[in-house]
N, C-alpha and C. Protein backbone atom coordinates (compact mmCIF):
# COMPACT_ATOMS: atom_id res chain seq x y z
N MET A 1 15.39 -31.45 -79.22
CA MET A 1 15.60 -32.75 -79.92
C MET A 1 15.88 -32.42 -81.40
N GLU A 2 16.89 -33.10 -81.90
CA GLU A 2 17.31 -32.89 -83.30
C GLU A 2 16.47 -33.73 -84.23
N THR A 3 16.11 -33.17 -85.37
CA THR A 3 15.34 -33.89 -86.39
C THR A 3 16.31 -34.28 -87.53
N SER A 4 16.32 -35.53 -87.88
CA SER A 4 17.17 -35.93 -89.00
C SER A 4 16.52 -35.59 -90.29
N LEU A 5 17.29 -35.59 -91.35
CA LEU A 5 16.79 -35.30 -92.68
C LEU A 5 15.72 -36.28 -93.07
N THR A 6 15.90 -37.57 -92.70
CA THR A 6 14.95 -38.62 -92.99
C THR A 6 13.61 -38.31 -92.29
N ASP A 7 13.68 -37.91 -90.96
CA ASP A 7 12.49 -37.57 -90.27
C ASP A 7 11.73 -36.41 -90.92
N ALA A 8 12.52 -35.42 -91.31
CA ALA A 8 11.91 -34.20 -91.93
C ALA A 8 11.23 -34.59 -93.24
N ILE A 9 11.82 -35.44 -93.98
CA ILE A 9 11.20 -35.81 -95.23
C ILE A 9 9.90 -36.64 -94.97
N LEU A 10 10.02 -37.61 -94.06
CA LEU A 10 8.86 -38.46 -93.76
C LEU A 10 7.78 -37.65 -93.15
N ASN A 11 8.06 -36.73 -92.22
CA ASN A 11 6.98 -35.95 -91.64
C ASN A 11 6.33 -34.97 -92.61
N GLY A 12 7.09 -34.61 -93.60
CA GLY A 12 6.54 -33.64 -94.57
C GLY A 12 5.66 -34.25 -95.62
N CYS A 13 5.55 -35.57 -95.71
CA CYS A 13 4.78 -36.17 -96.79
C CYS A 13 3.46 -36.79 -96.34
N GLY A 14 3.14 -36.63 -95.06
CA GLY A 14 1.86 -37.16 -94.61
C GLY A 14 1.79 -38.66 -94.61
N HIS A 15 0.57 -39.22 -94.89
CA HIS A 15 0.36 -40.63 -94.91
C HIS A 15 0.57 -41.30 -96.23
N SER A 16 0.87 -40.54 -97.27
CA SER A 16 0.97 -41.12 -98.62
C SER A 16 2.40 -41.34 -99.09
N CYS A 17 3.33 -41.49 -98.15
CA CYS A 17 4.73 -41.70 -98.60
C CYS A 17 4.95 -43.12 -99.09
N ASN A 18 5.56 -43.24 -100.19
CA ASN A 18 6.01 -44.50 -100.68
C ASN A 18 7.52 -44.45 -100.86
N ILE A 19 8.21 -45.17 -100.06
CA ILE A 19 9.67 -45.13 -100.14
C ILE A 19 10.08 -46.52 -100.63
N ARG A 20 10.89 -46.50 -101.73
CA ARG A 20 11.39 -47.75 -102.27
C ARG A 20 12.90 -47.70 -102.35
N TRP A 21 13.49 -48.72 -101.83
CA TRP A 21 14.93 -48.89 -101.94
C TRP A 21 15.18 -49.69 -103.21
N VAL A 22 16.03 -49.14 -104.01
CA VAL A 22 16.38 -49.81 -105.29
C VAL A 22 17.77 -50.31 -105.20
N LYS A 23 17.93 -51.60 -105.32
CA LYS A 23 19.28 -52.24 -105.33
C LYS A 23 19.92 -52.07 -106.68
N ARG A 24 21.15 -51.53 -106.66
CA ARG A 24 21.86 -51.47 -107.93
C ARG A 24 22.40 -52.85 -108.29
N LEU A 25 22.32 -53.19 -109.54
CA LEU A 25 22.79 -54.46 -109.96
C LEU A 25 24.35 -54.46 -109.96
N ARG A 26 24.92 -55.66 -109.65
CA ARG A 26 26.39 -55.80 -109.67
C ARG A 26 26.75 -56.46 -110.97
N LEU A 27 27.61 -55.78 -111.72
CA LEU A 27 28.12 -56.23 -113.01
C LEU A 27 29.57 -56.59 -112.88
N LEU A 28 29.88 -57.83 -113.20
CA LEU A 28 31.29 -58.25 -113.25
C LEU A 28 31.82 -58.15 -114.65
N VAL A 29 32.87 -57.37 -114.85
CA VAL A 29 33.52 -57.25 -116.16
C VAL A 29 34.79 -58.00 -116.13
N VAL A 30 35.04 -58.83 -117.20
CA VAL A 30 36.20 -59.71 -117.22
C VAL A 30 36.98 -59.44 -118.52
N ASP A 31 38.21 -59.03 -118.40
CA ASP A 31 39.09 -58.88 -119.55
C ASP A 31 40.52 -58.88 -119.06
N ASP A 32 41.42 -59.46 -119.87
CA ASP A 32 42.83 -59.50 -119.48
C ASP A 32 43.54 -58.20 -119.75
N GLU A 33 42.95 -57.26 -120.45
CA GLU A 33 43.55 -56.01 -120.80
C GLU A 33 43.08 -54.92 -119.85
N PRO A 34 44.01 -54.34 -119.05
CA PRO A 34 43.64 -53.30 -118.10
C PRO A 34 42.90 -52.09 -118.74
N ASP A 35 43.34 -51.73 -119.95
CA ASP A 35 42.69 -50.58 -120.61
C ASP A 35 41.24 -50.89 -120.94
N MET A 36 40.97 -52.10 -121.36
CA MET A 36 39.56 -52.53 -121.63
C MET A 36 38.77 -52.56 -120.39
N LEU A 37 39.32 -53.04 -119.26
CA LEU A 37 38.62 -53.04 -118.00
C LEU A 37 38.32 -51.59 -117.59
N ASP A 38 39.27 -50.67 -117.77
CA ASP A 38 39.02 -49.26 -117.43
C ASP A 38 37.84 -48.75 -118.29
N PHE A 39 37.86 -49.08 -119.57
CA PHE A 39 36.80 -48.58 -120.49
C PHE A 39 35.45 -49.16 -120.03
N LEU A 40 35.40 -50.43 -119.73
CA LEU A 40 34.13 -51.06 -119.33
C LEU A 40 33.60 -50.47 -118.04
N GLU A 41 34.51 -50.20 -117.09
CA GLU A 41 34.12 -49.61 -115.81
C GLU A 41 33.53 -48.19 -116.05
N ARG A 42 34.18 -47.40 -116.91
CA ARG A 42 33.68 -46.06 -117.23
C ARG A 42 32.29 -46.11 -117.84
N VAL A 43 32.07 -47.12 -118.79
CA VAL A 43 30.81 -47.20 -119.47
C VAL A 43 29.70 -47.56 -118.53
N PHE A 44 29.95 -48.38 -117.54
CA PHE A 44 28.86 -48.95 -116.70
C PHE A 44 28.76 -48.40 -115.31
N ARG A 45 29.68 -47.63 -114.82
CA ARG A 45 29.67 -47.29 -113.43
C ARG A 45 28.51 -46.36 -112.99
N GLN A 46 27.89 -45.69 -113.91
CA GLN A 46 26.73 -44.82 -113.59
C GLN A 46 25.48 -45.67 -113.27
N GLU A 47 25.41 -46.83 -113.91
CA GLU A 47 24.17 -47.65 -113.77
C GLU A 47 24.34 -48.90 -112.97
N TYR A 48 25.54 -49.35 -112.74
CA TYR A 48 25.76 -50.61 -112.05
C TYR A 48 26.89 -50.47 -111.06
N ASP A 49 26.90 -51.37 -110.08
CA ASP A 49 28.07 -51.53 -109.25
C ASP A 49 29.02 -52.43 -109.99
N VAL A 50 30.16 -51.92 -110.47
CA VAL A 50 31.04 -52.64 -111.34
C VAL A 50 32.14 -53.34 -110.52
N VAL A 51 32.34 -54.59 -110.77
CA VAL A 51 33.40 -55.42 -110.19
C VAL A 51 34.27 -55.88 -111.32
N ARG A 52 35.59 -55.91 -111.13
CA ARG A 52 36.54 -56.23 -112.24
C ARG A 52 37.30 -57.49 -111.92
N ALA A 53 37.55 -58.26 -113.01
CA ALA A 53 38.41 -59.43 -112.91
C ALA A 53 39.26 -59.42 -114.18
N GLN A 54 40.56 -59.79 -114.00
CA GLN A 54 41.50 -59.91 -115.15
C GLN A 54 41.67 -61.30 -115.68
N THR A 55 41.13 -62.28 -114.98
CA THR A 55 41.24 -63.66 -115.44
C THR A 55 39.97 -64.40 -115.19
N GLY A 56 39.78 -65.49 -115.93
CA GLY A 56 38.62 -66.32 -115.77
C GLY A 56 38.59 -66.92 -114.35
N GLU A 57 39.80 -67.28 -113.83
CA GLU A 57 39.83 -67.80 -112.48
C GLU A 57 39.33 -66.82 -111.42
N GLN A 58 39.76 -65.56 -111.52
CA GLN A 58 39.25 -64.51 -110.62
C GLN A 58 37.75 -64.37 -110.78
N ALA A 59 37.28 -64.38 -111.97
CA ALA A 59 35.84 -64.24 -112.22
C ALA A 59 35.02 -65.33 -111.56
N LEU A 60 35.51 -66.63 -111.73
CA LEU A 60 34.83 -67.75 -111.13
C LEU A 60 34.77 -67.57 -109.60
N ALA A 61 35.83 -67.17 -108.99
CA ALA A 61 35.82 -66.94 -107.52
C ALA A 61 34.85 -65.89 -107.09
N LEU A 62 34.81 -64.77 -107.89
CA LEU A 62 33.87 -63.70 -107.55
C LEU A 62 32.43 -64.09 -107.67
N VAL A 63 32.15 -64.83 -108.78
CA VAL A 63 30.76 -65.28 -108.99
C VAL A 63 30.35 -66.30 -107.91
N ASP A 64 31.24 -67.22 -107.62
CA ASP A 64 30.96 -68.23 -106.61
C ASP A 64 30.77 -67.58 -105.22
N ALA A 65 31.44 -66.48 -104.96
CA ALA A 65 31.30 -65.79 -103.66
C ALA A 65 29.92 -65.16 -103.50
N GLY A 66 29.20 -64.95 -104.65
CA GLY A 66 27.82 -64.45 -104.60
C GLY A 66 27.69 -62.95 -104.85
N GLY A 67 26.50 -62.54 -105.14
CA GLY A 67 26.18 -61.12 -105.27
C GLY A 67 26.35 -60.56 -106.68
N ILE A 68 26.78 -61.35 -107.63
CA ILE A 68 26.97 -60.86 -109.00
C ILE A 68 25.67 -61.14 -109.76
N ASP A 69 25.13 -60.11 -110.39
CA ASP A 69 23.93 -60.24 -111.17
C ASP A 69 24.14 -60.45 -112.68
N LEU A 70 25.19 -59.74 -113.18
CA LEU A 70 25.49 -59.84 -114.62
C LEU A 70 27.00 -60.07 -114.80
N LEU A 71 27.35 -60.80 -115.87
CA LEU A 71 28.73 -61.05 -116.20
C LEU A 71 28.95 -60.61 -117.66
N LEU A 72 29.93 -59.80 -117.86
CA LEU A 72 30.31 -59.35 -119.20
C LEU A 72 31.77 -59.73 -119.41
N THR A 73 32.03 -60.65 -120.32
CA THR A 73 33.38 -61.18 -120.46
C THR A 73 33.84 -61.13 -121.91
N ASP A 74 35.13 -60.85 -122.00
CA ASP A 74 35.77 -60.94 -123.34
C ASP A 74 36.01 -62.47 -123.66
N GLN A 75 36.03 -62.79 -124.91
CA GLN A 75 36.24 -64.17 -125.30
C GLN A 75 37.70 -64.53 -125.28
N LYS A 76 38.54 -63.68 -125.90
CA LYS A 76 39.98 -64.06 -126.04
C LYS A 76 40.78 -63.57 -124.85
N MET A 77 41.13 -64.53 -123.99
CA MET A 77 41.96 -64.26 -122.84
C MET A 77 42.89 -65.46 -122.67
N PRO A 78 44.07 -65.23 -122.10
CA PRO A 78 44.98 -66.35 -121.86
C PRO A 78 44.47 -67.30 -120.82
N ARG A 79 44.89 -68.50 -120.80
CA ARG A 79 44.61 -69.56 -119.83
C ARG A 79 43.17 -69.96 -119.86
N MET A 80 42.22 -69.08 -119.79
CA MET A 80 40.78 -69.44 -119.80
C MET A 80 40.05 -68.41 -120.67
N THR A 81 39.44 -68.90 -121.74
CA THR A 81 38.66 -68.00 -122.62
C THR A 81 37.33 -67.65 -121.98
N GLY A 82 36.63 -66.69 -122.57
CA GLY A 82 35.29 -66.33 -122.07
C GLY A 82 34.35 -67.53 -122.08
N ILE A 83 34.37 -68.29 -123.17
CA ILE A 83 33.47 -69.41 -123.29
C ILE A 83 33.88 -70.47 -122.27
N GLN A 84 35.15 -70.70 -122.03
CA GLN A 84 35.56 -71.66 -121.01
C GLN A 84 35.08 -71.18 -119.66
N LEU A 85 35.15 -69.87 -119.39
CA LEU A 85 34.62 -69.34 -118.12
C LEU A 85 33.16 -69.60 -117.98
N LEU A 86 32.38 -69.36 -119.05
CA LEU A 86 30.96 -69.60 -118.99
C LEU A 86 30.62 -71.08 -118.86
N GLU A 87 31.38 -71.87 -119.52
CA GLU A 87 31.21 -73.40 -119.35
C GLU A 87 31.53 -73.80 -117.96
N ALA A 88 32.57 -73.26 -117.34
CA ALA A 88 32.89 -73.57 -115.96
C ALA A 88 31.87 -73.18 -114.98
N LEU A 89 31.14 -72.08 -115.26
CA LEU A 89 30.04 -71.65 -114.42
C LEU A 89 28.86 -72.62 -114.56
N GLY A 90 28.72 -73.15 -115.76
CA GLY A 90 27.68 -74.17 -116.02
C GLY A 90 26.31 -73.74 -115.49
N ASP A 91 25.65 -74.65 -114.80
CA ASP A 91 24.33 -74.40 -114.27
C ASP A 91 24.37 -73.99 -112.79
N ARG A 92 25.57 -73.76 -112.26
CA ARG A 92 25.68 -73.42 -110.85
C ARG A 92 25.04 -72.08 -110.48
N HIS A 93 24.95 -71.20 -111.46
CA HIS A 93 24.39 -69.85 -111.23
C HIS A 93 23.33 -69.53 -112.31
N PRO A 94 22.20 -70.18 -112.24
CA PRO A 94 21.18 -70.07 -113.29
C PRO A 94 20.63 -68.64 -113.49
N ASP A 95 20.68 -67.79 -112.48
CA ASP A 95 20.16 -66.46 -112.60
C ASP A 95 21.19 -65.44 -113.08
N LEU A 96 22.39 -65.87 -113.26
CA LEU A 96 23.46 -64.97 -113.72
C LEU A 96 23.22 -64.63 -115.18
N VAL A 97 23.13 -63.35 -115.47
CA VAL A 97 23.02 -62.91 -116.87
C VAL A 97 24.40 -62.81 -117.49
N ARG A 98 24.54 -63.41 -118.69
CA ARG A 98 25.86 -63.63 -119.33
C ARG A 98 25.92 -62.89 -120.67
N VAL A 99 26.96 -62.06 -120.85
CA VAL A 99 27.19 -61.33 -122.12
C VAL A 99 28.61 -61.61 -122.53
N LEU A 100 28.82 -62.01 -123.75
CA LEU A 100 30.14 -62.31 -124.31
C LEU A 100 30.50 -61.26 -125.34
N ILE A 101 31.77 -60.80 -125.28
CA ILE A 101 32.29 -59.86 -126.26
C ILE A 101 33.39 -60.58 -127.03
N SER A 102 33.35 -60.46 -128.41
CA SER A 102 34.35 -61.15 -129.18
C SER A 102 34.43 -60.56 -130.56
N GLY A 103 35.58 -60.70 -131.16
CA GLY A 103 35.79 -60.31 -132.55
C GLY A 103 35.40 -61.43 -133.49
N TYR A 104 35.08 -62.58 -132.96
CA TYR A 104 34.77 -63.77 -133.74
C TYR A 104 33.34 -63.70 -134.22
N THR A 105 33.15 -63.92 -135.53
CA THR A 105 31.83 -63.74 -136.09
C THR A 105 31.29 -64.95 -136.88
N GLU A 106 31.87 -66.16 -136.72
CA GLU A 106 31.39 -67.31 -137.39
C GLU A 106 30.08 -67.74 -136.73
N VAL A 107 28.94 -67.52 -137.46
CA VAL A 107 27.61 -67.68 -136.91
C VAL A 107 27.33 -69.10 -136.31
N PRO A 108 27.69 -70.22 -136.97
CA PRO A 108 27.38 -71.48 -136.36
C PRO A 108 28.07 -71.73 -135.03
N ASP A 109 29.33 -71.29 -134.94
CA ASP A 109 30.10 -71.42 -133.70
C ASP A 109 29.52 -70.52 -132.62
N ILE A 110 29.12 -69.33 -132.97
CA ILE A 110 28.50 -68.41 -131.99
C ILE A 110 27.23 -69.02 -131.48
N GLN A 111 26.37 -69.53 -132.43
CA GLN A 111 25.08 -70.12 -132.02
C GLN A 111 25.29 -71.27 -131.03
N ARG A 112 26.29 -72.13 -131.32
CA ARG A 112 26.55 -73.25 -130.42
C ARG A 112 26.99 -72.75 -129.03
N ALA A 113 27.86 -71.73 -129.04
CA ALA A 113 28.30 -71.17 -127.74
C ALA A 113 27.16 -70.55 -127.00
N VAL A 114 26.26 -69.84 -127.66
CA VAL A 114 25.15 -69.18 -127.03
C VAL A 114 24.26 -70.26 -126.37
N GLU A 115 23.97 -71.30 -127.07
CA GLU A 115 23.13 -72.38 -126.55
C GLU A 115 23.81 -73.15 -125.43
N ARG A 116 25.06 -73.48 -125.64
CA ARG A 116 25.79 -74.36 -124.68
C ARG A 116 26.06 -73.60 -123.39
N CYS A 117 26.37 -72.31 -123.48
CA CYS A 117 26.79 -71.52 -122.28
C CYS A 117 25.63 -70.65 -121.76
N LYS A 118 24.53 -70.71 -122.41
CA LYS A 118 23.36 -69.86 -122.00
C LYS A 118 23.72 -68.41 -121.98
N ILE A 119 24.31 -67.96 -123.06
CA ILE A 119 24.66 -66.53 -123.17
C ILE A 119 23.39 -65.79 -123.52
N HIS A 120 23.16 -64.72 -122.82
CA HIS A 120 21.98 -63.88 -123.07
C HIS A 120 22.18 -62.88 -124.22
N GLN A 121 23.46 -62.48 -124.41
CA GLN A 121 23.74 -61.56 -125.47
C GLN A 121 25.21 -61.72 -125.92
N TYR A 122 25.44 -61.47 -127.24
CA TYR A 122 26.74 -61.60 -127.78
C TYR A 122 27.02 -60.26 -128.54
N VAL A 123 28.19 -59.68 -128.24
CA VAL A 123 28.56 -58.41 -128.87
C VAL A 123 29.85 -58.56 -129.65
N VAL A 124 29.81 -58.13 -130.91
CA VAL A 124 30.97 -58.25 -131.78
C VAL A 124 31.83 -56.95 -131.62
N LYS A 125 33.13 -57.20 -131.54
CA LYS A 125 34.09 -56.12 -131.57
C LYS A 125 34.26 -55.57 -132.96
N PRO A 126 34.61 -54.32 -133.15
CA PRO A 126 34.82 -53.34 -132.08
C PRO A 126 33.49 -52.86 -131.53
N VAL A 127 33.54 -52.48 -130.25
CA VAL A 127 32.30 -52.05 -129.59
C VAL A 127 32.38 -50.61 -129.19
N ASP A 128 31.21 -49.98 -129.08
CA ASP A 128 31.17 -48.59 -128.55
C ASP A 128 30.30 -48.65 -127.29
N SER A 129 30.37 -47.60 -126.50
CA SER A 129 29.71 -47.64 -125.21
C SER A 129 28.18 -47.79 -125.29
N GLU A 130 27.58 -47.14 -126.23
CA GLU A 130 26.13 -47.23 -126.36
C GLU A 130 25.65 -48.63 -126.75
N ARG A 131 26.41 -49.27 -127.63
CA ARG A 131 26.04 -50.64 -128.03
C ARG A 131 26.21 -51.58 -126.89
N LEU A 132 27.29 -51.40 -126.11
CA LEU A 132 27.49 -52.24 -124.92
C LEU A 132 26.40 -52.06 -123.90
N LYS A 133 26.03 -50.79 -123.60
CA LYS A 133 24.95 -50.56 -122.69
C LYS A 133 23.64 -51.21 -123.14
N ALA A 134 23.33 -51.10 -124.42
CA ALA A 134 22.10 -51.69 -124.97
C ALA A 134 22.12 -53.18 -124.84
N ALA A 135 23.29 -53.80 -125.15
CA ALA A 135 23.42 -55.27 -125.08
C ALA A 135 23.20 -55.75 -123.61
N VAL A 136 23.80 -55.08 -122.67
CA VAL A 136 23.63 -55.52 -121.27
C VAL A 136 22.20 -55.32 -120.82
N ARG A 137 21.62 -54.20 -121.17
CA ARG A 137 20.21 -53.92 -120.83
C ARG A 137 19.29 -55.00 -121.45
N GLU A 138 19.49 -55.31 -122.72
CA GLU A 138 18.64 -56.34 -123.39
C GLU A 138 18.88 -57.73 -122.74
N ALA A 139 20.11 -58.05 -122.39
CA ALA A 139 20.39 -59.29 -121.77
C ALA A 139 19.66 -59.40 -120.45
N TRP A 140 19.66 -58.33 -119.67
CA TRP A 140 18.95 -58.35 -118.35
C TRP A 140 17.48 -58.55 -118.56
N GLU A 141 16.94 -57.85 -119.59
CA GLU A 141 15.50 -57.98 -119.87
C GLU A 141 15.05 -59.38 -120.33
N ARG A 142 15.94 -60.07 -121.04
CA ARG A 142 15.55 -61.38 -121.57
C ARG A 142 15.89 -62.50 -120.62
N ARG A 143 16.52 -62.26 -119.49
CA ARG A 143 16.94 -63.30 -118.56
C ARG A 143 15.78 -64.20 -118.10
N ALA A 144 14.61 -63.61 -117.90
CA ALA A 144 13.48 -64.39 -117.39
C ALA A 144 12.82 -65.26 -118.48
N THR A 145 13.06 -64.94 -119.73
CA THR A 145 12.37 -65.66 -120.82
C THR A 145 13.13 -66.90 -121.26
N SER A 146 14.38 -67.03 -120.88
CA SER A 146 15.24 -68.11 -121.37
C SER A 146 15.26 -68.13 -122.90
N ASP A 147 15.27 -66.95 -123.47
CA ASP A 147 15.30 -66.77 -124.92
C ASP A 147 16.77 -66.80 -125.33
N TRP A 148 17.20 -67.87 -125.98
CA TRP A 148 18.59 -68.01 -126.38
C TRP A 148 18.82 -67.60 -127.81
N THR A 149 17.82 -66.96 -128.48
CA THR A 149 18.06 -66.48 -129.79
C THR A 149 19.06 -65.32 -129.66
N PHE A 150 19.78 -64.98 -130.69
CA PHE A 150 20.79 -63.99 -130.53
C PHE A 150 20.94 -63.13 -131.76
N THR A 151 21.55 -61.97 -131.59
CA THR A 151 21.96 -61.14 -132.69
C THR A 151 23.46 -60.91 -132.52
N LEU A 152 24.08 -60.53 -133.61
CA LEU A 152 25.53 -60.29 -133.54
C LEU A 152 25.89 -58.95 -132.97
N GLY A 153 24.94 -58.13 -132.60
CA GLY A 153 25.24 -56.85 -132.03
C GLY A 153 25.52 -55.76 -133.08
N ARG A 154 25.86 -56.14 -134.29
CA ARG A 154 26.10 -55.13 -135.34
C ARG A 154 24.81 -54.56 -135.91
N GLU A 155 23.72 -55.24 -135.73
CA GLU A 155 22.48 -54.81 -136.29
C GLU A 155 21.91 -53.54 -135.72
N ARG A 156 22.49 -53.12 -134.58
CA ARG A 156 22.00 -51.92 -133.95
C ARG A 156 22.72 -50.67 -134.41
N GLU A 157 23.72 -50.80 -135.26
CA GLU A 157 24.49 -49.64 -135.72
C GLU A 157 23.63 -48.78 -136.61
């Protein structure tokens, strides 16, 4: 009789085995620029299952299909901006963690967008990979608190 690797591991640990399956979070990255999508995928593929969309319409369809935990979107895109995408999602997906990337830094407008679209984190361009990772991690951590206070992302430099 053949012993599988799983059987060998389980038999070798006696009665005190604790096996936990950890689900990787699915991160949807949305940007109309293929180079930026490539960059975002490289930044996040070690920690998340990355799904890509080049338009707001594609992103809406993917989120509506289910299984997306986090959404990271650029603000400036043709046809549908990042804020328009987040507004279109509205309250249909209350557990979806939302992060917006933009070069726009007018604080009152950002604050209104954060509150209206329930954005968990806002990141100002230009961005680097470590700041992006930190922003997404912080957004995931604050999802349960409904804390809509925000920082511009530059404070971590």
